[in-house]
Amino acid sequence: MTYTIGQVAKMKDLTVSQLRYYDDQGLFPFLQRTEKGDRLFDEEALNYLEMILCLKNTGMPIKEIKQFIDWSMMGDETIPERLEMMKQQEIKVLQHIREAEENLKKIQQKIAKYQI
């Protein structure tokens, strides 16, 4: 089954422009196209999109996401590089979580103070 860019935009709560931008940045080298050039997303493309959005939402720059996609397209020989990239991103996400938890504690302390 394939999906149009409009269908994918609705499914993922994105805009068509966002998806086109990601494609223009080289994040979808695997997309099929119709004879008219319209983008078609299959299940594998949707899985890649999920990972792209995950990395983006955890603060990874587009340039690094593109590197991840490029390595993925090269096959299993790049697994060590992808593993290291994911480990580094994990460290960044865990740090962000710690900072968010510290900020939450401060906010909760302020709420407790105001409720007295």
N, C-alpha and C. Protein backbone atom coordinates (compact mmCIF):
# COMPACT_ATOMS: atom_id res chain seq x y z
N MET A 1 0.84 -1.19 0.00
CA MET A 1 0.00 0.00 0.00
C MET A 1 0.88 1.24 0.00
N THR A 2 0.50 2.23 -0.78
CA THR A 2 1.24 3.49 -0.81
C THR A 2 0.31 4.64 -0.45
N TYR A 3 0.94 5.71 0.00
CA TYR A 3 0.21 6.89 0.44
C TYR A 3 0.78 8.12 -0.26
N THR A 4 -0.10 9.07 -0.54
CA THR A 4 0.35 10.34 -1.13
C THR A 4 0.94 11.21 -0.03
N ILE A 5 1.61 12.25 -0.44
CA ILE A 5 2.20 13.17 0.52
C ILE A 5 1.11 13.83 1.37
N GLY A 6 -0.04 14.12 0.77
CA GLY A 6 -1.14 14.70 1.52
C GLY A 6 -1.68 13.75 2.57
N GLN A 7 -1.81 12.48 2.22
CA GLN A 7 -2.28 11.48 3.17
C GLN A 7 -1.31 11.33 4.33
N VAL A 8 -0.03 11.31 4.02
CA VAL A 8 0.98 11.17 5.06
C VAL A 8 0.99 12.40 5.97
N ALA A 9 0.85 13.57 5.38
CA ALA A 9 0.80 14.79 6.17
C ALA A 9 -0.34 14.72 7.20
N LYS A 10 -1.50 14.28 6.76
CA LYS A 10 -2.63 14.15 7.68
C LYS A 10 -2.38 13.09 8.73
N MET A 11 -1.84 11.96 8.32
CA MET A 11 -1.58 10.85 9.24
C MET A 11 -0.62 11.26 10.35
N LYS A 12 0.37 12.04 10.00
CA LYS A 12 1.45 12.39 10.94
C LYS A 12 1.32 13.79 11.52
N ASP A 13 0.21 14.45 11.23
CA ASP A 13 -0.04 15.81 11.71
C ASP A 13 1.10 16.76 11.32
N LEU A 14 1.46 16.68 10.05
CA LEU A 14 2.48 17.53 9.46
C LEU A 14 1.85 18.30 8.31
N THR A 15 2.60 19.23 7.77
CA THR A 15 2.14 19.90 6.56
C THR A 15 2.82 19.27 5.36
N VAL A 16 2.20 19.42 4.21
CA VAL A 16 2.82 18.95 2.97
C VAL A 16 4.14 19.67 2.77
N SER A 17 4.18 20.96 3.12
CA SER A 17 5.42 21.74 2.98
C SER A 17 6.54 21.16 3.82
N GLN A 18 6.24 20.71 5.03
CA GLN A 18 7.27 20.10 5.87
C GLN A 18 7.84 18.85 5.20
N LEU A 19 6.96 18.02 4.70
CA LEU A 19 7.41 16.79 4.05
C LEU A 19 8.22 17.09 2.80
N ARG A 20 7.80 18.08 2.04
CA ARG A 20 8.58 18.47 0.85
C ARG A 20 9.95 18.99 1.26
N TYR A 21 9.98 19.78 2.34
CA TYR A 21 11.26 20.31 2.83
C TYR A 21 12.19 19.16 3.21
N TYR A 22 11.68 18.18 3.96
CA TYR A 22 12.50 17.04 4.34
C TYR A 22 13.02 16.32 3.10
N ASP A 23 12.16 16.18 2.10
CA ASP A 23 12.59 15.54 0.86
C ASP A 23 13.66 16.37 0.17
N ASP A 24 13.46 17.68 0.12
CA ASP A 24 14.45 18.57 -0.51
C ASP A 24 15.80 18.52 0.22
N GLN A 25 15.78 18.21 1.51
CA GLN A 25 17.01 18.11 2.30
C GLN A 25 17.68 16.74 2.17
N GLY A 26 17.07 15.88 1.38
CA GLY A 26 17.66 14.57 1.11
C GLY A 26 17.30 13.49 2.12
N LEU A 27 16.23 13.71 2.90
CA LEU A 27 15.86 12.74 3.92
C LEU A 27 15.01 11.59 3.40
N PHE A 28 14.54 11.68 2.15
CA PHE A 28 13.70 10.63 1.58
C PHE A 28 14.27 10.10 0.26
N PRO A 29 15.52 9.65 0.23
CA PRO A 29 16.07 9.18 -1.05
C PRO A 29 15.40 7.90 -1.53
N PHE A 30 14.64 7.27 -0.70
CA PHE A 30 14.00 5.99 -0.98
C PHE A 30 12.58 6.13 -1.51
N LEU A 31 12.06 7.35 -1.60
CA LEU A 31 10.67 7.52 -2.02
C LEU A 31 10.45 7.12 -3.46
N GLN A 32 9.33 6.46 -3.68
CA GLN A 32 8.89 6.16 -5.04
C GLN A 32 8.20 7.42 -5.58
N ARG A 33 8.11 7.49 -6.88
CA ARG A 33 7.42 8.62 -7.52
C ARG A 33 6.49 8.08 -8.60
N THR A 34 5.38 8.82 -8.79
CA THR A 34 4.49 8.47 -9.90
C THR A 34 5.09 8.99 -11.19
N GLU A 35 4.46 8.67 -12.30
CA GLU A 35 4.94 9.18 -13.59
C GLU A 35 4.94 10.70 -13.62
N LYS A 36 4.00 11.31 -12.88
CA LYS A 36 3.92 12.78 -12.82
C LYS A 36 4.93 13.36 -11.83
N GLY A 37 5.62 12.50 -11.07
CA GLY A 37 6.61 12.98 -10.12
C GLY A 37 6.08 13.14 -8.70
N ASP A 38 4.84 12.75 -8.46
CA ASP A 38 4.29 12.84 -7.11
C ASP A 38 4.94 11.82 -6.20
N ARG A 39 5.22 12.23 -4.98
CA ARG A 39 5.86 11.34 -4.02
C ARG A 39 4.87 10.29 -3.52
N LEU A 40 5.38 9.07 -3.35
CA LEU A 40 4.57 7.98 -2.80
C LEU A 40 5.31 7.37 -1.61
N PHE A 41 4.61 7.24 -0.51
CA PHE A 41 5.19 6.66 0.70
C PHE A 41 4.64 5.25 0.89
N ASP A 42 5.54 4.28 1.04
CA ASP A 42 5.12 2.93 1.38
C ASP A 42 5.37 2.73 2.88
N GLU A 43 5.16 1.51 3.37
CA GLU A 43 5.32 1.25 4.80
C GLU A 43 6.75 1.50 5.26
N GLU A 44 7.72 1.12 4.44
CA GLU A 44 9.12 1.36 4.81
C GLU A 44 9.40 2.86 4.90
N ALA A 45 8.87 3.63 3.97
CA ALA A 45 9.05 5.08 4.00
C ALA A 45 8.42 5.68 5.26
N LEU A 46 7.25 5.16 5.65
CA LEU A 46 6.60 5.63 6.87
C LEU A 46 7.45 5.30 8.10
N ASN A 47 8.08 4.13 8.09
CA ASN A 47 8.96 3.78 9.20
C ASN A 47 10.16 4.72 9.28
N TYR A 48 10.74 5.05 8.13
CA TYR A 48 11.83 6.02 8.12
C TYR A 48 11.35 7.38 8.61
N LEU A 49 10.17 7.77 8.18
CA LEU A 49 9.62 9.06 8.61
C LEU A 49 9.47 9.09 10.13
N GLU A 50 9.01 8.00 10.72
CA GLU A 50 8.89 7.93 12.18
C GLU A 50 10.24 8.19 12.84
N MET A 51 11.29 7.57 12.31
CA MET A 51 12.62 7.76 12.88
C MET A 51 13.11 9.19 12.66
N ILE A 52 12.86 9.73 11.49
CA ILE A 52 13.24 11.12 11.19
C ILE A 52 12.58 12.06 12.19
N LEU A 53 11.28 11.87 12.41
CA LEU A 53 10.55 12.73 13.34
C LEU A 53 11.05 12.55 14.77
N CYS A 54 11.36 11.32 15.14
CA CYS A 54 11.91 11.06 16.48
C CYS A 54 13.21 11.83 16.67
N LEU A 55 14.11 11.70 15.71
CA LEU A 55 15.40 12.38 15.81
C LEU A 55 15.24 13.89 15.82
N LYS A 56 14.37 14.39 14.97
CA LYS A 56 14.10 15.83 14.93
C LYS A 56 13.54 16.31 16.26
N ASN A 57 12.56 15.55 16.79
CA ASN A 57 11.91 15.95 18.04
C ASN A 57 12.83 15.85 19.25
N THR A 58 13.93 15.14 19.11
CA THR A 58 14.90 15.06 20.20
C THR A 58 16.09 15.99 19.96
N GLY A 59 15.93 16.89 19.01
CA GLY A 59 16.91 17.96 18.82
C GLY A 59 18.03 17.70 17.84
N MET A 60 17.97 16.61 17.11
CA MET A 60 19.03 16.34 16.15
C MET A 60 18.87 17.26 14.93
N PRO A 61 19.95 17.92 14.51
CA PRO A 61 19.86 18.78 13.33
C PRO A 61 19.60 17.97 12.05
N ILE A 62 18.97 18.60 11.09
CA ILE A 62 18.64 17.97 9.81
C ILE A 62 19.90 17.38 9.16
N LYS A 63 21.01 18.10 9.24
CA LYS A 63 22.26 17.62 8.63
C LYS A 63 22.66 16.26 9.20
N GLU A 64 22.52 16.09 10.51
CA GLU A 64 22.87 14.81 11.13
C GLU A 64 21.84 13.74 10.80
N ILE A 65 20.57 14.13 10.72
CA ILE A 65 19.54 13.16 10.33
C ILE A 65 19.83 12.66 8.92
N LYS A 66 20.23 13.57 8.05
CA LYS A 66 20.57 13.17 6.67
C LYS A 66 21.73 12.18 6.68
N GLN A 67 22.72 12.42 7.54
CA GLN A 67 23.84 11.49 7.63
C GLN A 67 23.34 10.11 8.06
N PHE A 68 22.43 10.08 9.02
CA PHE A 68 21.86 8.81 9.47
C PHE A 68 21.15 8.10 8.32
N ILE A 69 20.35 8.85 7.56
CA ILE A 69 19.62 8.27 6.42
C ILE A 69 20.62 7.77 5.38
N ASP A 70 21.62 8.57 5.09
CA ASP A 70 22.63 8.15 4.10
C ASP A 70 23.30 6.85 4.53
N TRP A 71 23.68 6.77 5.81
CA TRP A 71 24.29 5.53 6.31
C TRP A 71 23.31 4.37 6.19
N SER A 72 22.04 4.62 6.51
CA SER A 72 21.04 3.56 6.42
C SER A 72 20.92 3.03 5.00
N MET A 73 20.99 3.92 4.02
CA MET A 73 20.89 3.53 2.62
C MET A 73 22.11 2.71 2.17
N MET A 74 23.22 2.84 2.89
CA MET A 74 24.44 2.11 2.52
C MET A 74 24.41 0.66 2.99
N GLY A 75 23.52 0.36 3.91
CA GLY A 75 23.41 -1.03 4.37
C GLY A 75 24.09 -1.31 5.69
N ASP A 76 24.21 -2.59 5.97
CA ASP A 76 24.70 -3.05 7.27
C ASP A 76 26.13 -2.63 7.59
N GLU A 77 26.92 -2.32 6.57
CA GLU A 77 28.31 -1.95 6.84
C GLU A 77 28.42 -0.67 7.67
N THR A 78 27.35 0.13 7.73
CA THR A 78 27.39 1.38 8.50
C THR A 78 26.70 1.25 9.86
N ILE A 79 26.38 0.05 10.27
CA ILE A 79 25.73 -0.13 11.58
C ILE A 79 26.58 0.44 12.72
N PRO A 80 27.90 0.25 12.73
CA PRO A 80 28.68 0.83 13.84
C PRO A 80 28.54 2.36 13.92
N GLU A 81 28.53 3.03 12.78
CA GLU A 81 28.37 4.50 12.78
C GLU A 81 26.98 4.90 13.27
N ARG A 82 25.97 4.17 12.81
CA ARG A 82 24.60 4.48 13.24
C ARG A 82 24.41 4.20 14.73
N LEU A 83 25.01 3.13 15.20
CA LEU A 83 24.93 2.80 16.63
C LEU A 83 25.56 3.91 17.47
N GLU A 84 26.72 4.37 17.06
CA GLU A 84 27.38 5.46 17.81
C GLU A 84 26.54 6.73 17.78
N MET A 85 25.96 7.03 16.63
CA MET A 85 25.10 8.21 16.52
C MET A 85 23.91 8.11 17.47
N MET A 86 23.30 6.93 17.54
CA MET A 86 22.14 6.73 18.42
C MET A 86 22.55 6.81 19.88
N LYS A 87 23.73 6.30 20.21
CA LYS A 87 24.22 6.39 21.59
C LYS A 87 24.44 7.85 21.99
N GLN A 88 25.01 8.63 21.08
CA GLN A 88 25.23 10.06 21.37
C GLN A 88 23.89 10.79 21.53
N GLN A 89 22.92 10.44 20.70
CA GLN A 89 21.61 11.08 20.81
C GLN A 89 20.93 10.67 22.12
N GLU A 90 21.12 9.43 22.52
CA GLU A 90 20.56 8.97 23.79
C GLU A 90 21.11 9.80 24.95
N ILE A 91 22.41 10.06 24.94
CA ILE A 91 23.03 10.88 25.99
C ILE A 91 22.39 12.26 26.03
N LYS A 92 22.19 12.86 24.86
CA LYS A 92 21.58 14.19 24.79
C LYS A 92 20.15 14.18 25.31
N VAL A 93 19.39 13.16 24.95
CA VAL A 93 17.99 13.07 25.40
C VAL A 93 17.93 12.86 26.91
N LEU A 94 18.79 12.00 27.43
CA LEU A 94 18.80 11.77 28.88
C LEU A 94 19.16 13.06 29.63
N GLN A 95 20.09 13.83 29.10
CA GLN A 95 20.46 15.11 29.72
C GLN A 95 19.26 16.06 29.70
N HIS A 96 18.58 16.09 28.58
CA HIS A 96 17.39 16.95 28.47
C HIS A 96 16.32 16.54 29.48
N ILE A 97 16.16 15.25 29.66
CA ILE A 97 15.18 14.75 30.64
C ILE A 97 15.58 15.18 32.05
N ARG A 98 16.85 15.06 32.39
CA ARG A 98 17.31 15.48 33.71
C ARG A 98 17.05 16.97 33.93
N GLU A 99 17.35 17.77 32.93
CA GLU A 99 17.13 19.21 33.04
C GLU A 99 15.64 19.51 33.19
N ALA A 100 14.80 18.81 32.43
CA ALA A 100 13.36 19.02 32.52
C ALA A 100 12.85 18.62 33.90
N GLU A 101 13.37 17.53 34.46
CA GLU A 101 12.96 17.10 35.80
C GLU A 101 13.36 18.13 36.86
N GLU A 102 14.56 18.70 36.72
CA GLU A 102 15.01 19.73 37.65
C GLU A 102 14.11 20.97 37.56
N ASN A 103 13.76 21.36 36.36
CA ASN A 103 12.88 22.51 36.17
C ASN A 103 11.49 22.22 36.74
N LEU A 104 11.00 21.00 36.55
CA LEU A 104 9.70 20.61 37.10
C LEU A 104 9.70 20.72 38.62
N LYS A 105 10.77 20.27 39.26
CA LYS A 105 10.87 20.37 40.73
C LYS A 105 10.79 21.82 41.18
N LYS A 106 11.49 22.70 40.49
CA LYS A 106 11.47 24.12 40.84
C LYS A 106 10.06 24.69 40.70
N ILE A 107 9.39 24.32 39.63
CA ILE A 107 8.02 24.80 39.40
C ILE A 107 7.10 24.26 40.49
N GLN A 108 7.24 22.99 40.83
CA GLN A 108 6.40 22.40 41.87
C GLN A 108 6.67 23.04 43.23
N GLN A 109 7.91 23.40 43.51
CA GLN A 109 8.23 24.09 44.76
C GLN A 109 7.55 25.45 44.80
N LYS A 110 7.55 26.14 43.68
CA LYS A 110 6.93 27.46 43.61
C LYS A 110 5.41 27.32 43.79
N ILE A 111 4.82 26.31 43.18
CA ILE A 111 3.37 26.06 43.34
C ILE A 111 3.07 25.80 44.80
N ALA A 112 3.87 24.96 45.45
CA ALA A 112 3.65 24.65 46.86
C ALA A 112 3.75 25.90 47.73
N LYS A 113 4.70 26.76 47.40
CA LYS A 113 4.88 28.01 48.16
C LYS A 113 3.65 28.91 48.01
N TYR A 114 3.12 29.00 46.80
CA TYR A 114 1.98 29.88 46.54
C TYR A 114 0.68 29.33 47.13
N GLN A 115 0.61 28.02 47.32
CA GLN A 115 -0.61 27.42 47.83
C GLN A 115 -0.72 27.48 49.35
N ILE A 116 0.32 27.96 50.02
CA ILE A 116 0.28 28.03 51.48
C ILE A 116 -0.66 29.10 51.96
